[in-house]
Amino acid sequence: MENKNVNLQISIKQIVDLILQLPKSEQENIIKRISTQKEKTGNRYTEFSGKINGFHFLEQNWDSYNADTISDKAIKKAISVLDRIIQTTQSHSIKLHVFPMRNGGIQFELDNENLSFEIEIDTNGILKFIRFDEEGNILEEINNFEINILFCNY
């Protein structure tokens, strides 16, 4: 069987209309699951956004090897893509880590049993995607990409 990515677009109104056609007990179950998922996402967002914002306080040479301070553009970009990254990592059971980079950028590491990749944000807020194999060899590298396009493919 051929594996194809399908881009399904549906409006919020269409989703609500479909939910309202369900029995009341099913509607309540859906609302509970959505509320629980939103709470989990919110907690992870708070955790990671706090860590990213904390990168503001890293001074020159923060790693004792002459690392640059983390740029404001990198921090702003990391915060702007964080929600999308968290949603994707939760829905695909992907572990997420975020680190300051020596060059003043920010790096997200994402991995599970089947995937290992990084999203690097440079000092100008430009995204770079790098996918690795099991041995750590680079399989794919995309410079200056849009985060929404990336997660449609994985």
N, C-alpha and C. Protein backbone atom coordinates (compact mmCIF):
# COMPACT_ATOMS: atom_id res chain seq x y z
N MET A 1 0.83 -1.17 0.00
CA MET A 1 0.00 0.00 0.00
C MET A 1 0.89 1.25 0.00
N GLU A 2 0.58 2.17 -0.86
CA GLU A 2 1.37 3.40 -1.00
C GLU A 2 0.99 4.39 0.09
N ASN A 3 2.01 4.99 0.73
CA ASN A 3 1.78 5.98 1.78
C ASN A 3 1.78 7.35 1.16
N LYS A 4 0.65 8.06 1.21
CA LYS A 4 0.54 9.39 0.65
C LYS A 4 0.14 10.36 1.74
N ASN A 5 0.73 11.55 1.71
CA ASN A 5 0.32 12.60 2.62
C ASN A 5 -0.93 13.24 2.05
N VAL A 6 -1.95 13.40 2.88
CA VAL A 6 -3.20 13.99 2.45
C VAL A 6 -3.38 15.30 3.22
N ASN A 7 -3.65 16.34 2.50
CA ASN A 7 -3.88 17.64 3.12
C ASN A 7 -5.39 17.82 3.25
N LEU A 8 -5.91 17.59 4.43
CA LEU A 8 -7.33 17.71 4.70
C LEU A 8 -7.60 19.04 5.36
N GLN A 9 -8.44 19.84 4.72
CA GLN A 9 -8.79 21.12 5.30
C GLN A 9 -10.26 21.10 5.65
N ILE A 10 -10.55 21.48 6.88
CA ILE A 10 -11.92 21.51 7.36
C ILE A 10 -12.04 22.71 8.29
N SER A 11 -13.16 23.40 8.21
CA SER A 11 -13.31 24.60 9.02
C SER A 11 -13.77 24.24 10.43
N ILE A 12 -13.56 25.15 11.34
CA ILE A 12 -14.03 24.97 12.72
C ILE A 12 -15.53 24.79 12.73
N LYS A 13 -16.24 25.55 11.91
CA LYS A 13 -17.71 25.44 11.86
C LYS A 13 -18.12 24.03 11.43
N GLN A 14 -17.44 23.46 10.45
CA GLN A 14 -17.75 22.10 10.01
C GLN A 14 -17.51 21.09 11.13
N ILE A 15 -16.45 21.29 11.88
CA ILE A 15 -16.16 20.39 13.00
C ILE A 15 -17.25 20.49 14.06
N VAL A 16 -17.62 21.72 14.41
CA VAL A 16 -18.68 21.92 15.40
C VAL A 16 -19.98 21.31 14.92
N ASP A 17 -20.33 21.49 13.66
CA ASP A 17 -21.56 20.90 13.10
C ASP A 17 -21.54 19.38 13.22
N LEU A 18 -20.39 18.78 12.95
CA LEU A 18 -20.28 17.32 13.06
C LEU A 18 -20.42 16.86 14.52
N ILE A 19 -19.80 17.59 15.43
CA ILE A 19 -19.88 17.24 16.85
C ILE A 19 -21.32 17.35 17.34
N LEU A 20 -22.03 18.37 16.90
CA LEU A 20 -23.42 18.58 17.36
C LEU A 20 -24.36 17.50 16.85
N GLN A 21 -23.97 16.75 15.86
CA GLN A 21 -24.78 15.64 15.35
C GLN A 21 -24.63 14.38 16.21
N LEU A 22 -23.62 14.36 17.08
CA LEU A 22 -23.36 13.21 17.93
C LEU A 22 -24.29 13.22 19.14
N PRO A 23 -24.48 12.05 19.77
CA PRO A 23 -25.25 12.02 21.03
C PRO A 23 -24.58 12.89 22.09
N LYS A 24 -25.37 13.39 23.02
CA LYS A 24 -24.89 14.31 24.06
C LYS A 24 -23.68 13.74 24.82
N SER A 25 -23.72 12.44 25.17
CA SER A 25 -22.61 11.85 25.93
C SER A 25 -21.30 11.90 25.13
N GLU A 26 -21.38 11.67 23.82
CA GLU A 26 -20.19 11.74 22.97
C GLU A 26 -19.67 13.17 22.87
N GLN A 27 -20.60 14.13 22.79
CA GLN A 27 -20.20 15.54 22.76
C GLN A 27 -19.42 15.89 24.03
N GLU A 28 -19.91 15.43 25.18
CA GLU A 28 -19.25 15.72 26.45
C GLU A 28 -17.86 15.07 26.50
N ASN A 29 -17.75 13.84 25.99
CA ASN A 29 -16.44 13.17 25.95
C ASN A 29 -15.44 13.95 25.10
N ILE A 30 -15.89 14.44 23.97
CA ILE A 30 -15.02 15.21 23.09
C ILE A 30 -14.57 16.49 23.78
N ILE A 31 -15.48 17.17 24.44
CA ILE A 31 -15.15 18.41 25.15
C ILE A 31 -14.13 18.13 26.25
N LYS A 32 -14.31 17.04 26.99
CA LYS A 32 -13.35 16.68 28.04
C LYS A 32 -11.97 16.42 27.45
N ARG A 33 -11.91 15.68 26.34
CA ARG A 33 -10.62 15.37 25.72
C ARG A 33 -9.94 16.63 25.20
N ILE A 34 -10.71 17.52 24.61
CA ILE A 34 -10.14 18.77 24.11
C ILE A 34 -9.61 19.60 25.27
N SER A 35 -10.37 19.68 26.35
CA SER A 35 -9.94 20.46 27.52
C SER A 35 -8.67 19.88 28.12
N THR A 36 -8.60 18.56 28.24
CA THR A 36 -7.41 17.91 28.79
C THR A 36 -6.21 18.15 27.89
N GLN A 37 -6.39 18.02 26.56
CA GLN A 37 -5.30 18.23 25.63
C GLN A 37 -4.82 19.68 25.68
N LYS A 38 -5.75 20.62 25.75
CA LYS A 38 -5.38 22.03 25.82
C LYS A 38 -4.59 22.32 27.10
N GLU A 39 -5.00 21.70 28.21
CA GLU A 39 -4.30 21.89 29.48
C GLU A 39 -2.87 21.36 29.39
N LYS A 40 -2.71 20.17 28.81
CA LYS A 40 -1.37 19.59 28.66
C LYS A 40 -0.50 20.46 27.76
N THR A 41 -1.07 20.90 26.64
CA THR A 41 -0.32 21.76 25.72
C THR A 41 0.06 23.05 26.41
N GLY A 42 -0.87 23.64 27.16
CA GLY A 42 -0.59 24.89 27.87
C GLY A 42 0.55 24.75 28.86
N ASN A 43 0.59 23.64 29.60
CA ASN A 43 1.67 23.41 30.56
C ASN A 43 3.01 23.28 29.87
N ARG A 44 3.05 22.54 28.77
CA ARG A 44 4.31 22.38 28.04
C ARG A 44 4.72 23.71 27.41
N TYR A 45 3.76 24.47 26.92
CA TYR A 45 4.07 25.77 26.34
C TYR A 45 4.70 26.68 27.40
N THR A 46 4.10 26.70 28.57
CA THR A 46 4.63 27.53 29.66
C THR A 46 6.05 27.10 30.02
N GLU A 47 6.26 25.79 30.12
CA GLU A 47 7.58 25.26 30.46
C GLU A 47 8.63 25.68 29.42
N PHE A 48 8.35 25.41 28.14
CA PHE A 48 9.34 25.68 27.11
C PHE A 48 9.49 27.18 26.82
N SER A 49 8.40 27.93 26.85
CA SER A 49 8.53 29.37 26.61
C SER A 49 9.33 30.03 27.72
N GLY A 50 9.15 29.55 28.96
CA GLY A 50 9.95 30.07 30.07
C GLY A 50 11.43 29.79 29.88
N LYS A 51 11.72 28.59 29.42
CA LYS A 51 13.13 28.24 29.18
C LYS A 51 13.71 29.10 28.06
N ILE A 52 12.95 29.26 26.98
CA ILE A 52 13.43 30.06 25.85
C ILE A 52 13.63 31.52 26.27
N ASN A 53 12.66 32.07 26.98
CA ASN A 53 12.80 33.46 27.44
C ASN A 53 13.98 33.62 28.40
N GLY A 54 14.30 32.55 29.11
CA GLY A 54 15.47 32.58 30.00
C GLY A 54 16.78 32.72 29.26
N PHE A 55 16.79 32.39 27.97
CA PHE A 55 18.01 32.54 27.17
C PHE A 55 18.43 34.01 27.06
N HIS A 56 17.48 34.94 27.30
CA HIS A 56 17.82 36.38 27.31
C HIS A 56 18.92 36.68 28.32
N PHE A 57 18.98 35.91 29.39
CA PHE A 57 19.89 36.20 30.49
C PHE A 57 21.28 35.58 30.32
N LEU A 58 21.46 34.83 29.25
CA LEU A 58 22.79 34.25 29.01
C LEU A 58 23.71 35.34 28.49
N GLU A 59 24.80 35.53 29.16
CA GLU A 59 25.75 36.57 28.77
C GLU A 59 26.79 36.01 27.81
N GLN A 60 27.51 36.90 27.18
CA GLN A 60 28.63 36.50 26.32
C GLN A 60 29.50 35.50 27.08
N ASN A 61 29.93 34.43 26.41
CA ASN A 61 30.78 33.40 27.01
C ASN A 61 30.02 32.55 28.04
N TRP A 62 28.72 32.40 27.88
CA TRP A 62 27.90 31.65 28.83
C TRP A 62 28.31 30.19 28.95
N ASP A 63 28.98 29.67 27.95
CA ASP A 63 29.41 28.26 28.00
C ASP A 63 30.90 28.10 28.31
N SER A 64 31.58 29.19 28.65
CA SER A 64 33.02 29.22 28.92
C SER A 64 33.87 28.95 27.68
N TYR A 65 33.24 28.94 26.50
CA TYR A 65 33.97 28.74 25.24
C TYR A 65 33.66 29.88 24.27
N ASN A 66 33.43 31.07 24.82
CA ASN A 66 33.20 32.28 24.05
C ASN A 66 31.91 32.27 23.23
N ALA A 67 30.88 31.63 23.73
CA ALA A 67 29.58 31.61 23.04
C ALA A 67 28.97 33.00 23.02
N ASP A 68 28.25 33.29 21.93
CA ASP A 68 27.55 34.57 21.80
C ASP A 68 26.30 34.59 22.67
N THR A 69 25.81 35.80 22.94
CA THR A 69 24.51 35.92 23.60
C THR A 69 23.44 35.46 22.61
N ILE A 70 22.30 35.03 23.11
CA ILE A 70 21.22 34.56 22.24
C ILE A 70 20.48 35.78 21.70
N SER A 71 20.30 35.82 20.39
CA SER A 71 19.71 37.00 19.75
C SER A 71 18.22 37.12 20.06
N ASP A 72 17.75 38.36 20.13
CA ASP A 72 16.32 38.61 20.35
C ASP A 72 15.48 38.04 19.21
N LYS A 73 16.00 38.12 17.97
CA LYS A 73 15.26 37.59 16.81
C LYS A 73 15.08 36.08 16.93
N ALA A 74 16.12 35.38 17.39
CA ALA A 74 16.02 33.93 17.56
C ALA A 74 15.01 33.59 18.65
N ILE A 75 15.03 34.33 19.73
CA ILE A 75 14.08 34.08 20.84
C ILE A 75 12.65 34.33 20.37
N LYS A 76 12.43 35.44 19.69
CA LYS A 76 11.07 35.76 19.19
C LYS A 76 10.58 34.70 18.23
N LYS A 77 11.45 34.24 17.33
CA LYS A 77 11.05 33.22 16.36
C LYS A 77 10.76 31.90 17.07
N ALA A 78 11.59 31.53 18.04
CA ALA A 78 11.38 30.28 18.78
C ALA A 78 10.02 30.30 19.49
N ILE A 79 9.69 31.41 20.10
CA ILE A 79 8.39 31.53 20.78
C ILE A 79 7.26 31.47 19.77
N SER A 80 7.46 32.08 18.60
CA SER A 80 6.38 32.10 17.60
C SER A 80 6.08 30.73 17.00
N VAL A 81 7.07 29.83 16.95
CA VAL A 81 6.84 28.49 16.38
C VAL A 81 6.60 27.43 17.46
N LEU A 82 6.76 27.81 18.71
CA LEU A 82 6.70 26.84 19.82
C LEU A 82 5.37 26.12 19.89
N ASP A 83 4.26 26.82 19.78
CA ASP A 83 2.95 26.19 19.90
C ASP A 83 2.76 25.11 18.84
N ARG A 84 3.15 25.39 17.61
CA ARG A 84 3.02 24.42 16.51
C ARG A 84 3.91 23.20 16.76
N ILE A 85 5.10 23.43 17.27
CA ILE A 85 6.02 22.32 17.56
C ILE A 85 5.43 21.45 18.67
N ILE A 86 4.91 22.07 19.72
CA ILE A 86 4.34 21.30 20.84
C ILE A 86 3.15 20.49 20.37
N GLN A 87 2.27 21.07 19.59
CA GLN A 87 1.10 20.33 19.09
C GLN A 87 1.54 19.11 18.30
N THR A 88 2.51 19.28 17.46
CA THR A 88 2.99 18.17 16.63
C THR A 88 3.69 17.11 17.46
N THR A 89 4.52 17.53 18.41
CA THR A 89 5.25 16.54 19.21
C THR A 89 4.30 15.73 20.08
N GLN A 90 3.26 16.35 20.60
CA GLN A 90 2.30 15.61 21.42
C GLN A 90 1.48 14.63 20.59
N SER A 91 1.08 15.06 19.40
CA SER A 91 0.23 14.19 18.58
C SER A 91 1.01 13.04 17.95
N HIS A 92 2.33 13.11 17.93
CA HIS A 92 3.15 12.05 17.35
C HIS A 92 4.10 11.41 18.37
N SER A 93 3.88 11.63 19.65
CA SER A 93 4.72 11.08 20.72
C SER A 93 6.20 11.35 20.48
N ILE A 94 6.52 12.59 20.20
CA ILE A 94 7.89 12.98 19.93
C ILE A 94 8.43 13.72 21.15
N LYS A 95 9.64 13.35 21.57
CA LYS A 95 10.31 14.04 22.68
C LYS A 95 10.84 15.37 22.16
N LEU A 96 10.71 16.40 22.98
CA LEU A 96 11.14 17.74 22.60
C LEU A 96 12.14 18.28 23.60
N HIS A 97 13.22 18.87 23.08
CA HIS A 97 14.22 19.54 23.89
C HIS A 97 14.56 20.85 23.20
N VAL A 98 14.93 21.86 23.99
CA VAL A 98 15.34 23.14 23.42
C VAL A 98 16.62 23.61 24.10
N PHE A 99 17.54 24.12 23.27
CA PHE A 99 18.85 24.51 23.76
C PHE A 99 19.29 25.84 23.14
N PRO A 100 20.06 26.63 23.89
CA PRO A 100 20.72 27.78 23.27
C PRO A 100 21.89 27.27 22.42
N MET A 101 22.20 27.97 21.35
CA MET A 101 23.33 27.59 20.51
C MET A 101 24.48 28.58 20.71
N ARG A 102 25.68 28.11 20.57
CA ARG A 102 26.87 28.93 20.78
C ARG A 102 26.92 30.15 19.86
N ASN A 103 26.31 30.05 18.68
CA ASN A 103 26.37 31.14 17.71
C ASN A 103 25.28 32.19 17.94
N GLY A 104 24.49 32.06 19.01
CA GLY A 104 23.44 33.02 19.32
C GLY A 104 22.06 32.61 18.86
N GLY A 105 21.94 31.40 18.32
CA GLY A 105 20.66 30.89 17.87
C GLY A 105 20.04 29.95 18.90
N ILE A 106 18.98 29.29 18.49
CA ILE A 106 18.26 28.34 19.35
C ILE A 106 18.02 27.06 18.57
N GLN A 107 18.11 25.93 19.25
CA GLN A 107 17.94 24.63 18.62
C GLN A 107 16.85 23.84 19.34
N PHE A 108 15.90 23.32 18.55
CA PHE A 108 14.92 22.35 19.04
C PHE A 108 15.39 20.98 18.58
N GLU A 109 15.41 20.00 19.48
CA GLU A 109 15.67 18.61 19.10
C GLU A 109 14.38 17.84 19.28
N LEU A 110 14.01 17.08 18.27
CA LEU A 110 12.78 16.31 18.30
C LEU A 110 13.11 14.88 17.89
N ASP A 111 12.67 13.91 18.68
CA ASP A 111 12.94 12.52 18.32
C ASP A 111 11.95 11.57 18.96
N ASN A 112 11.78 10.44 18.31
CA ASN A 112 11.05 9.29 18.84
C ASN A 112 11.70 8.05 18.23
N GLU A 113 11.01 6.92 18.27
CA GLU A 113 11.60 5.68 17.75
C GLU A 113 11.91 5.76 16.26
N ASN A 114 11.11 6.54 15.51
CA ASN A 114 11.23 6.56 14.06
C ASN A 114 11.86 7.82 13.48
N LEU A 115 11.91 8.87 14.26
CA LEU A 115 12.38 10.16 13.74
C LEU A 115 13.43 10.77 14.64
N SER A 116 14.35 11.49 14.03
CA SER A 116 15.31 12.29 14.78
C SER A 116 15.61 13.51 13.93
N PHE A 117 15.22 14.68 14.42
CA PHE A 117 15.53 15.88 13.68
C PHE A 117 15.69 17.08 14.58
N GLU A 118 16.25 18.13 13.98
CA GLU A 118 16.49 19.38 14.69
C GLU A 118 15.87 20.52 13.90
N ILE A 119 15.44 21.51 14.62
CA ILE A 119 15.06 22.78 14.02
C ILE A 119 15.97 23.81 14.64
N GLU A 120 16.78 24.43 13.81
CA GLU A 120 17.70 25.45 14.29
C GLU A 120 17.18 26.81 13.86
N ILE A 121 17.29 27.77 14.76
CA ILE A 121 16.89 29.14 14.47
C ILE A 121 18.15 29.99 14.60
N ASP A 122 18.53 30.63 13.51
CA ASP A 122 19.77 31.41 13.56
C ASP A 122 19.52 32.78 14.20
N THR A 123 20.54 33.59 14.28
CA THR A 123 20.45 34.88 14.97
C THR A 123 19.50 35.86 14.29
N ASN A 124 19.16 35.60 13.02
CA ASN A 124 18.20 36.45 12.30
C ASN A 124 16.79 35.89 12.32
N GLY A 125 16.59 34.77 13.03
CA GLY A 125 15.26 34.17 13.12
C GLY A 125 14.91 33.27 11.95
N ILE A 126 15.91 32.85 11.18
CA ILE A 126 15.70 31.98 10.03
C ILE A 126 15.75 30.52 10.49
N LEU A 127 14.77 29.73 10.05
CA LEU A 127 14.66 28.33 10.44
C LEU A 127 15.46 27.41 9.52
N LYS A 128 16.05 26.40 10.11
CA LYS A 128 16.76 25.36 9.37
C LYS A 128 16.32 24.01 9.93
N PHE A 129 15.97 23.10 9.06
CA PHE A 129 15.52 21.75 9.44
C PHE A 129 16.60 20.75 9.06
N ILE A 130 16.91 19.84 10.00
CA ILE A 130 17.91 18.80 9.74
C ILE A 130 17.34 17.47 10.25
N ARG A 131 17.28 16.48 9.36
CA ARG A 131 16.81 15.14 9.74
C ARG A 131 17.97 14.17 9.71
N PHE A 132 18.01 13.29 10.73
CA PHE A 132 19.12 12.35 10.90
C PHE A 132 18.65 10.90 10.81
N ASP A 133 19.57 10.00 10.47
CA ASP A 133 19.29 8.57 10.56
C ASP A 133 19.68 8.08 11.95
N GLU A 134 19.58 6.76 12.19
CA GLU A 134 19.85 6.18 13.50
C GLU A 134 21.29 6.41 13.96
N GLU A 135 22.23 6.52 13.03
CA GLU A 135 23.64 6.73 13.38
C GLU A 135 24.01 8.20 13.50
N GLY A 136 23.09 9.09 13.27
CA GLY A 136 23.37 10.51 13.38
C GLY A 136 23.83 11.16 12.08
N ASN A 137 23.75 10.44 10.98
CA ASN A 137 24.11 11.01 9.68
C ASN A 137 22.96 11.87 9.16
N ILE A 138 23.29 12.98 8.53
CA ILE A 138 22.26 13.87 7.99
C ILE A 138 21.62 13.25 6.76
N LEU A 139 20.28 13.11 6.81
CA LEU A 139 19.52 12.59 5.68
C LEU A 139 18.92 13.71 4.84
N GLU A 140 18.60 14.80 5.51
CA GLU A 140 17.91 15.90 4.82
C GLU A 140 18.22 17.20 5.56
N GLU A 141 18.39 18.25 4.79
CA GLU A 141 18.65 19.55 5.38
C GLU A 141 17.91 20.60 4.53
N ILE A 142 17.07 21.41 5.20
CA ILE A 142 16.30 22.43 4.50
C ILE A 142 16.55 23.76 5.18
N ASN A 143 17.05 24.73 4.42
CA ASN A 143 17.30 26.07 4.94
C ASN A 143 16.11 26.97 4.65
N ASN A 144 15.85 27.90 5.57
CA ASN A 144 14.84 28.93 5.39
C ASN A 144 13.47 28.34 5.05
N PHE A 145 12.99 27.44 5.87
CA PHE A 145 11.71 26.79 5.61
C PHE A 145 10.61 27.36 6.51
N GLU A 146 9.37 27.04 6.15
CA GLU A 146 8.21 27.44 6.96
C GLU A 146 7.79 26.24 7.80
N ILE A 147 7.55 26.47 9.07
CA ILE A 147 7.25 25.40 10.02
C ILE A 147 5.98 24.63 9.65
N ASN A 148 4.95 25.30 9.16
CA ASN A 148 3.69 24.62 8.82
C ASN A 148 3.87 23.65 7.67
N ILE A 149 4.72 23.99 6.72
CA ILE A 149 4.99 23.09 5.59
C ILE A 149 5.72 21.85 6.08
N LEU A 150 6.67 22.02 6.97
CA LEU A 150 7.46 20.90 7.48
C LEU A 150 6.57 19.84 8.11
N PHE A 151 5.68 20.23 9.01
CA PHE A 151 4.92 19.26 9.78
C PHE A 151 3.81 18.60 8.97
N CYS A 152 3.53 19.07 7.77
CA CYS A 152 2.59 18.37 6.90
C CYS A 152 3.20 17.07 6.39
N ASN A 153 4.53 17.00 6.37
CA ASN A 153 5.22 15.85 5.77
C ASN A 153 5.66 14.80 6.79
N TYR A 154 5.53 15.06 8.10
CA TYR A 154 6.04 14.12 9.09
C TYR A 154 4.98 13.78 10.11
